[in-house]
Amino acid sequence: MFTIKQIKAAHDKVQTGADFPKYISDLIQLGVKSYTTVVEDGSVVYTGADGFEVSTEKKYTPLTVSPLANKERFIEFLVMHQDGQTDYFSFCNHAAQCGIAKWEVDIVKMNCTYYDSAHHPILIENIPL
């Protein structure tokens, strides 16, 4: 199974959203099946085969997640991030401002679902490789 140290090494290669497809490829090689990122503090739970899980610590001082989701504005920020215009922490700040509480990356289905605080899906996008 994989370790947080291996995942961190893969994540350290990511500078912008443009690096995301390579990061997913690295996670596939490690055996990660999915992961969930909590926007409030940046903690992540990675899941592998047979329910194997490892978790990260909180990555930053808690952000306030807006109680109302703004899907249109979030998509604008997402496109900017995927184009390499923002770093990870800026993207997390933008997500919080837009009411995104977490996102779940399903590596098996190759999609990412962004949720509000009530766990309603706000956006589902396919992951390109």
N, C-alpha and C. Protein backbone atom coordinates (compact mmCIF):
# COMPACT_ATOMS: atom_id res chain seq x y z
N MET A 1 0.82 -1.19 0.00
CA MET A 1 0.00 0.00 0.00
C MET A 1 0.87 1.26 0.00
N PHE A 2 0.24 2.36 -0.23
CA PHE A 2 0.94 3.64 -0.34
C PHE A 2 1.04 4.32 1.02
N THR A 3 1.93 5.31 1.07
CA THR A 3 2.14 6.08 2.31
C THR A 3 1.93 7.57 2.02
N ILE A 4 1.74 8.32 3.08
CA ILE A 4 1.64 9.78 2.94
C ILE A 4 2.95 10.34 2.37
N LYS A 5 4.07 9.76 2.74
CA LYS A 5 5.36 10.23 2.22
C LYS A 5 5.40 10.09 0.69
N GLN A 6 4.92 8.97 0.15
CA GLN A 6 4.89 8.77 -1.30
C GLN A 6 3.94 9.77 -1.97
N ILE A 7 2.79 9.98 -1.36
CA ILE A 7 1.81 10.92 -1.91
C ILE A 7 2.37 12.33 -1.88
N LYS A 8 3.03 12.69 -0.77
CA LYS A 8 3.63 14.03 -0.67
C LYS A 8 4.67 14.24 -1.76
N ALA A 9 5.46 13.22 -2.03
CA ALA A 9 6.48 13.34 -3.09
C ALA A 9 5.82 13.60 -4.44
N ALA A 10 4.70 12.94 -4.71
CA ALA A 10 3.97 13.18 -5.96
C ALA A 10 3.37 14.59 -5.96
N HIS A 11 2.81 15.01 -4.82
CA HIS A 11 2.17 16.32 -4.73
C HIS A 11 3.18 17.46 -4.82
N ASP A 12 4.39 17.22 -4.33
CA ASP A 12 5.42 18.26 -4.37
C ASP A 12 5.79 18.66 -5.79
N LYS A 13 5.48 17.82 -6.76
CA LYS A 13 5.75 18.13 -8.16
C LYS A 13 4.71 19.08 -8.75
N VAL A 14 3.60 19.26 -8.03
CA VAL A 14 2.48 20.08 -8.52
C VAL A 14 2.73 21.54 -8.14
N GLN A 15 2.82 22.38 -9.14
CA GLN A 15 2.98 23.81 -8.90
C GLN A 15 1.68 24.57 -9.16
N THR A 16 0.93 24.14 -10.18
CA THR A 16 -0.34 24.78 -10.53
C THR A 16 -1.33 23.69 -10.96
N GLY A 17 -2.55 24.11 -11.25
CA GLY A 17 -3.58 23.18 -11.72
C GLY A 17 -3.20 22.50 -13.02
N ALA A 18 -2.32 23.11 -13.78
CA ALA A 18 -1.89 22.51 -15.04
C ALA A 18 -1.12 21.20 -14.82
N ASP A 19 -0.57 21.03 -13.60
CA ASP A 19 0.19 19.82 -13.27
C ASP A 19 -0.70 18.68 -12.76
N PHE A 20 -1.98 18.93 -12.61
CA PHE A 20 -2.90 17.97 -12.01
C PHE A 20 -2.94 16.61 -12.73
N PRO A 21 -3.04 16.56 -14.06
CA PRO A 21 -3.09 15.25 -14.72
C PRO A 21 -1.87 14.36 -14.40
N LYS A 22 -0.69 14.93 -14.32
CA LYS A 22 0.50 14.15 -13.98
C LYS A 22 0.41 13.64 -12.54
N TYR A 23 -0.11 14.46 -11.65
CA TYR A 23 -0.30 14.06 -10.26
C TYR A 23 -1.24 12.86 -10.18
N ILE A 24 -2.33 12.88 -10.92
CA ILE A 24 -3.27 11.76 -10.94
C ILE A 24 -2.58 10.50 -11.46
N SER A 25 -1.78 10.64 -12.50
CA SER A 25 -1.03 9.49 -13.02
C SER A 25 -0.12 8.89 -11.95
N ASP A 26 0.55 9.76 -11.19
CA ASP A 26 1.42 9.29 -10.11
C ASP A 26 0.61 8.56 -9.04
N LEU A 27 -0.57 9.08 -8.69
CA LEU A 27 -1.42 8.44 -7.69
C LEU A 27 -1.91 7.07 -8.17
N ILE A 28 -2.24 6.98 -9.44
CA ILE A 28 -2.67 5.69 -10.01
C ILE A 28 -1.55 4.66 -9.83
N GLN A 29 -0.33 5.06 -10.11
CA GLN A 29 0.82 4.15 -9.97
C GLN A 29 1.01 3.70 -8.52
N LEU A 30 0.66 4.58 -7.57
CA LEU A 30 0.78 4.24 -6.15
C LEU A 30 -0.34 3.31 -5.68
N GLY A 31 -1.46 3.28 -6.41
CA GLY A 31 -2.59 2.45 -5.99
C GLY A 31 -3.72 3.22 -5.32
N VAL A 32 -3.69 4.55 -5.40
CA VAL A 32 -4.76 5.36 -4.83
C VAL A 32 -6.00 5.23 -5.71
N LYS A 33 -7.15 4.98 -5.09
CA LYS A 33 -8.41 4.84 -5.82
C LYS A 33 -9.24 6.12 -5.77
N SER A 34 -9.12 6.85 -4.66
CA SER A 34 -9.86 8.11 -4.52
C SER A 34 -9.23 8.92 -3.39
N TYR A 35 -9.60 10.19 -3.35
CA TYR A 35 -9.23 11.00 -2.19
C TYR A 35 -10.22 12.14 -2.03
N THR A 36 -10.34 12.59 -0.78
CA THR A 36 -11.26 13.67 -0.43
C THR A 36 -10.46 14.77 0.25
N THR A 37 -10.59 16.00 -0.27
CA THR A 37 -9.92 17.16 0.28
C THR A 37 -10.94 18.04 0.99
N VAL A 38 -10.67 18.40 2.24
CA VAL A 38 -11.52 19.30 3.01
C VAL A 38 -10.97 20.71 2.83
N VAL A 39 -11.77 21.59 2.25
CA VAL A 39 -11.31 22.95 1.94
C VAL A 39 -10.99 23.74 3.19
N GLU A 40 -11.76 23.57 4.24
CA GLU A 40 -11.58 24.37 5.45
C GLU A 40 -10.14 24.33 5.98
N ASP A 41 -9.53 23.15 5.97
CA ASP A 41 -8.19 23.05 6.56
C ASP A 41 -7.16 22.35 5.67
N GLY A 42 -7.58 21.89 4.50
CA GLY A 42 -6.65 21.26 3.57
C GLY A 42 -6.32 19.81 3.87
N SER A 43 -6.97 19.23 4.87
CA SER A 43 -6.69 17.82 5.16
C SER A 43 -7.25 16.94 4.05
N VAL A 44 -6.60 15.80 3.84
CA VAL A 44 -6.97 14.91 2.75
C VAL A 44 -6.98 13.47 3.25
N VAL A 45 -7.99 12.70 2.82
CA VAL A 45 -8.05 11.27 3.09
C VAL A 45 -7.89 10.56 1.75
N TYR A 46 -6.87 9.70 1.65
CA TYR A 46 -6.60 8.92 0.45
C TYR A 46 -7.06 7.48 0.68
N THR A 47 -7.76 6.91 -0.29
CA THR A 47 -8.30 5.56 -0.17
C THR A 47 -7.72 4.68 -1.27
N GLY A 48 -7.38 3.46 -0.88
CA GLY A 48 -6.86 2.48 -1.82
C GLY A 48 -7.75 1.25 -1.85
N ALA A 49 -7.19 0.16 -2.29
CA ALA A 49 -7.92 -1.10 -2.38
C ALA A 49 -8.33 -1.59 -0.99
N ASP A 50 -9.44 -2.31 -0.96
CA ASP A 50 -9.95 -2.93 0.28
C ASP A 50 -10.16 -1.94 1.41
N GLY A 51 -10.50 -0.68 1.07
CA GLY A 51 -10.79 0.32 2.08
C GLY A 51 -9.58 0.87 2.81
N PHE A 52 -8.38 0.58 2.33
CA PHE A 52 -7.16 1.11 2.94
C PHE A 52 -7.19 2.64 2.88
N GLU A 53 -6.88 3.32 4.00
CA GLU A 53 -6.89 4.79 4.03
C GLU A 53 -5.67 5.33 4.76
N VAL A 54 -5.20 6.46 4.28
CA VAL A 54 -4.22 7.26 4.99
C VAL A 54 -4.69 8.71 4.91
N SER A 55 -4.36 9.48 5.94
CA SER A 55 -4.82 10.87 6.02
C SER A 55 -3.66 11.82 6.26
N THR A 56 -3.82 13.03 5.77
CA THR A 56 -2.85 14.07 6.05
C THR A 56 -3.32 14.89 7.25
N GLU A 57 -2.42 15.66 7.77
CA GLU A 57 -2.76 16.62 8.82
C GLU A 57 -3.41 17.84 8.16
N LYS A 58 -3.92 18.74 8.98
CA LYS A 58 -4.42 20.01 8.48
C LYS A 58 -3.24 20.75 7.87
N LYS A 59 -3.46 21.43 6.73
CA LYS A 59 -2.36 22.06 6.00
C LYS A 59 -2.24 23.56 6.25
N TYR A 60 -3.31 24.19 6.74
CA TYR A 60 -3.29 25.63 6.93
C TYR A 60 -4.32 26.04 7.97
N THR A 61 -4.22 27.30 8.40
CA THR A 61 -5.20 27.87 9.32
C THR A 61 -6.58 27.78 8.67
N PRO A 62 -7.59 27.39 9.43
CA PRO A 62 -8.91 27.18 8.82
C PRO A 62 -9.44 28.38 8.01
N LEU A 63 -9.99 28.04 6.86
CA LEU A 63 -10.66 29.02 6.00
C LEU A 63 -12.15 28.98 6.32
N THR A 64 -12.81 30.09 6.10
CA THR A 64 -14.26 30.13 6.26
C THR A 64 -14.89 29.81 4.92
N VAL A 65 -15.70 28.76 4.90
CA VAL A 65 -16.39 28.36 3.67
C VAL A 65 -17.73 29.08 3.62
N SER A 66 -17.97 29.78 2.54
CA SER A 66 -19.24 30.50 2.38
C SER A 66 -20.41 29.52 2.48
N PRO A 67 -21.49 29.92 3.16
CA PRO A 67 -22.64 29.02 3.27
C PRO A 67 -23.43 28.88 1.97
N LEU A 68 -23.20 29.78 1.02
CA LEU A 68 -23.89 29.73 -0.26
C LEU A 68 -22.91 29.44 -1.38
N ALA A 69 -23.23 28.45 -2.18
CA ALA A 69 -22.37 28.10 -3.30
C ALA A 69 -22.60 29.03 -4.49
N ASN A 70 -21.51 29.41 -5.13
CA ASN A 70 -21.57 30.23 -6.34
C ASN A 70 -20.86 29.45 -7.44
N LYS A 71 -21.62 28.59 -8.11
CA LYS A 71 -21.06 27.69 -9.10
C LYS A 71 -20.39 28.44 -10.25
N GLU A 72 -21.01 29.48 -10.75
CA GLU A 72 -20.46 30.19 -11.90
C GLU A 72 -19.11 30.81 -11.57
N ARG A 73 -19.01 31.46 -10.42
CA ARG A 73 -17.74 32.09 -10.03
C ARG A 73 -16.68 31.02 -9.76
N PHE A 74 -17.11 29.91 -9.14
CA PHE A 74 -16.17 28.82 -8.88
C PHE A 74 -15.59 28.29 -10.18
N ILE A 75 -16.41 28.13 -11.19
CA ILE A 75 -15.92 27.64 -12.48
C ILE A 75 -14.88 28.60 -13.05
N GLU A 76 -15.10 29.90 -12.90
CA GLU A 76 -14.12 30.88 -13.36
C GLU A 76 -12.77 30.67 -12.65
N PHE A 77 -12.82 30.51 -11.32
CA PHE A 77 -11.59 30.28 -10.54
C PHE A 77 -10.94 28.95 -10.93
N LEU A 78 -11.76 27.92 -11.15
CA LEU A 78 -11.25 26.61 -11.52
C LEU A 78 -10.51 26.66 -12.85
N VAL A 79 -11.08 27.34 -13.82
CA VAL A 79 -10.44 27.48 -15.13
C VAL A 79 -9.11 28.22 -14.99
N MET A 80 -9.10 29.28 -14.18
CA MET A 80 -7.84 30.01 -13.94
C MET A 80 -6.79 29.09 -13.33
N HIS A 81 -7.22 28.29 -12.36
CA HIS A 81 -6.28 27.39 -11.69
C HIS A 81 -5.76 26.31 -12.65
N GLN A 82 -6.65 25.75 -13.42
CA GLN A 82 -6.25 24.71 -14.36
C GLN A 82 -5.35 25.26 -15.46
N ASP A 83 -5.45 26.55 -15.70
CA ASP A 83 -4.60 27.22 -16.70
C ASP A 83 -3.23 27.59 -16.12
N GLY A 84 -3.03 27.30 -14.82
CA GLY A 84 -1.75 27.59 -14.20
C GLY A 84 -1.62 28.99 -13.64
N GLN A 85 -2.74 29.71 -13.50
CA GLN A 85 -2.68 31.11 -13.04
C GLN A 85 -2.69 31.25 -11.52
N THR A 86 -3.00 30.18 -10.78
CA THR A 86 -3.03 30.27 -9.32
C THR A 86 -2.34 29.06 -8.72
N ASP A 87 -1.87 29.22 -7.48
CA ASP A 87 -1.29 28.10 -6.75
C ASP A 87 -2.39 27.38 -5.97
N TYR A 88 -2.02 26.29 -5.31
CA TYR A 88 -2.99 25.45 -4.61
C TYR A 88 -3.72 26.20 -3.49
N PHE A 89 -2.97 26.92 -2.65
CA PHE A 89 -3.62 27.63 -1.55
C PHE A 89 -4.58 28.71 -2.05
N SER A 90 -4.21 29.40 -3.11
CA SER A 90 -5.12 30.40 -3.70
C SER A 90 -6.40 29.72 -4.18
N PHE A 91 -6.25 28.56 -4.82
CA PHE A 91 -7.42 27.83 -5.28
C PHE A 91 -8.31 27.42 -4.11
N CYS A 92 -7.71 26.97 -3.02
CA CYS A 92 -8.50 26.61 -1.83
C CYS A 92 -9.25 27.82 -1.28
N ASN A 93 -8.60 28.97 -1.25
CA ASN A 93 -9.26 30.21 -0.82
C ASN A 93 -10.44 30.54 -1.74
N HIS A 94 -10.22 30.44 -3.03
CA HIS A 94 -11.30 30.72 -3.99
C HIS A 94 -12.45 29.74 -3.82
N ALA A 95 -12.12 28.47 -3.61
CA ALA A 95 -13.17 27.46 -3.40
C ALA A 95 -14.00 27.82 -2.17
N ALA A 96 -13.33 28.17 -1.07
CA ALA A 96 -14.04 28.55 0.15
C ALA A 96 -14.95 29.75 -0.09
N GLN A 97 -14.45 30.75 -0.78
CA GLN A 97 -15.25 31.94 -1.09
C GLN A 97 -16.50 31.58 -1.88
N CYS A 98 -16.40 30.54 -2.69
CA CYS A 98 -17.51 30.13 -3.56
C CYS A 98 -18.39 29.04 -2.93
N GLY A 99 -18.17 28.74 -1.66
CA GLY A 99 -19.02 27.79 -0.97
C GLY A 99 -18.70 26.33 -1.22
N ILE A 100 -17.50 26.05 -1.69
CA ILE A 100 -17.08 24.66 -1.90
C ILE A 100 -16.44 24.18 -0.60
N ALA A 101 -17.04 23.16 0.02
CA ALA A 101 -16.56 22.65 1.31
C ALA A 101 -15.55 21.53 1.15
N LYS A 102 -15.68 20.76 0.07
CA LYS A 102 -14.73 19.67 -0.17
C LYS A 102 -14.84 19.24 -1.61
N TRP A 103 -13.83 18.48 -2.03
CA TRP A 103 -13.94 17.82 -3.32
C TRP A 103 -13.46 16.39 -3.18
N GLU A 104 -14.07 15.54 -3.99
CA GLU A 104 -13.74 14.12 -4.00
C GLU A 104 -13.25 13.75 -5.39
N VAL A 105 -12.06 13.21 -5.45
CA VAL A 105 -11.49 12.75 -6.71
C VAL A 105 -11.64 11.23 -6.75
N ASP A 106 -12.38 10.75 -7.73
CA ASP A 106 -12.57 9.32 -7.94
C ASP A 106 -11.67 8.93 -9.10
N ILE A 107 -10.54 8.30 -8.78
CA ILE A 107 -9.56 7.97 -9.81
C ILE A 107 -10.04 6.82 -10.68
N VAL A 108 -10.89 5.96 -10.13
CA VAL A 108 -11.44 4.86 -10.91
C VAL A 108 -12.37 5.40 -12.00
N LYS A 109 -13.26 6.33 -11.63
CA LYS A 109 -14.20 6.92 -12.58
C LYS A 109 -13.59 8.09 -13.35
N MET A 110 -12.42 8.54 -12.88
CA MET A 110 -11.71 9.68 -13.48
C MET A 110 -12.58 10.93 -13.49
N ASN A 111 -13.12 11.25 -12.29
CA ASN A 111 -13.85 12.51 -12.16
C ASN A 111 -13.59 13.13 -10.80
N CYS A 112 -13.94 14.40 -10.70
CA CYS A 112 -13.80 15.16 -9.47
C CYS A 112 -15.13 15.84 -9.21
N THR A 113 -15.66 15.64 -8.00
CA THR A 113 -16.93 16.25 -7.62
C THR A 113 -16.69 17.25 -6.51
N TYR A 114 -17.17 18.46 -6.70
CA TYR A 114 -17.05 19.54 -5.73
C TYR A 114 -18.39 19.67 -5.00
N TYR A 115 -18.33 19.73 -3.66
CA TYR A 115 -19.54 19.75 -2.84
C TYR A 115 -19.63 21.01 -2.00
N ASP A 116 -20.87 21.41 -1.70
CA ASP A 116 -21.08 22.50 -0.75
C ASP A 116 -21.11 21.92 0.67
N SER A 117 -21.36 22.77 1.66
CA SER A 117 -21.35 22.33 3.06
C SER A 117 -22.46 21.34 3.39
N ALA A 118 -23.53 21.34 2.62
CA ALA A 118 -24.64 20.40 2.84
C ALA A 118 -24.42 19.10 2.06
N HIS A 119 -23.25 18.94 1.49
CA HIS A 119 -22.86 17.76 0.71
C HIS A 119 -23.64 17.63 -0.60
N HIS A 120 -24.12 18.75 -1.13
CA HIS A 120 -24.75 18.75 -2.45
C HIS A 120 -23.66 18.91 -3.50
N PRO A 121 -23.69 18.09 -4.55
CA PRO A 121 -22.69 18.27 -5.60
C PRO A 121 -22.93 19.59 -6.35
N ILE A 122 -21.89 20.37 -6.49
CA ILE A 122 -21.98 21.65 -7.18
C ILE A 122 -21.46 21.53 -8.60
N LEU A 123 -20.43 20.72 -8.78
CA LEU A 123 -19.82 20.55 -10.10
C LEU A 123 -19.14 19.19 -10.16
N ILE A 124 -19.33 18.50 -11.26
CA ILE A 124 -18.62 17.25 -11.52
C ILE A 124 -17.86 17.44 -12.82
N GLU A 125 -16.57 17.19 -12.77
CA GLU A 125 -15.75 17.34 -13.97
C GLU A 125 -14.96 16.07 -14.22
N ASN A 126 -14.74 15.79 -15.48
CA ASN A 126 -13.90 14.65 -15.85
C ASN A 126 -12.44 15.05 -15.71
N ILE A 127 -11.61 14.07 -15.38
CA ILE A 127 -10.17 14.31 -15.23
C ILE A 127 -9.47 13.89 -16.51
N PRO A 128 -8.80 14.83 -17.17
CA PRO A 128 -8.05 14.48 -18.38
C PRO A 128 -6.69 13.89 -18.01
N LEU A 129 -6.23 12.98 -18.82
CA LEU A 129 -4.86 12.47 -18.62
C LEU A 129 -4.02 12.70 -19.83
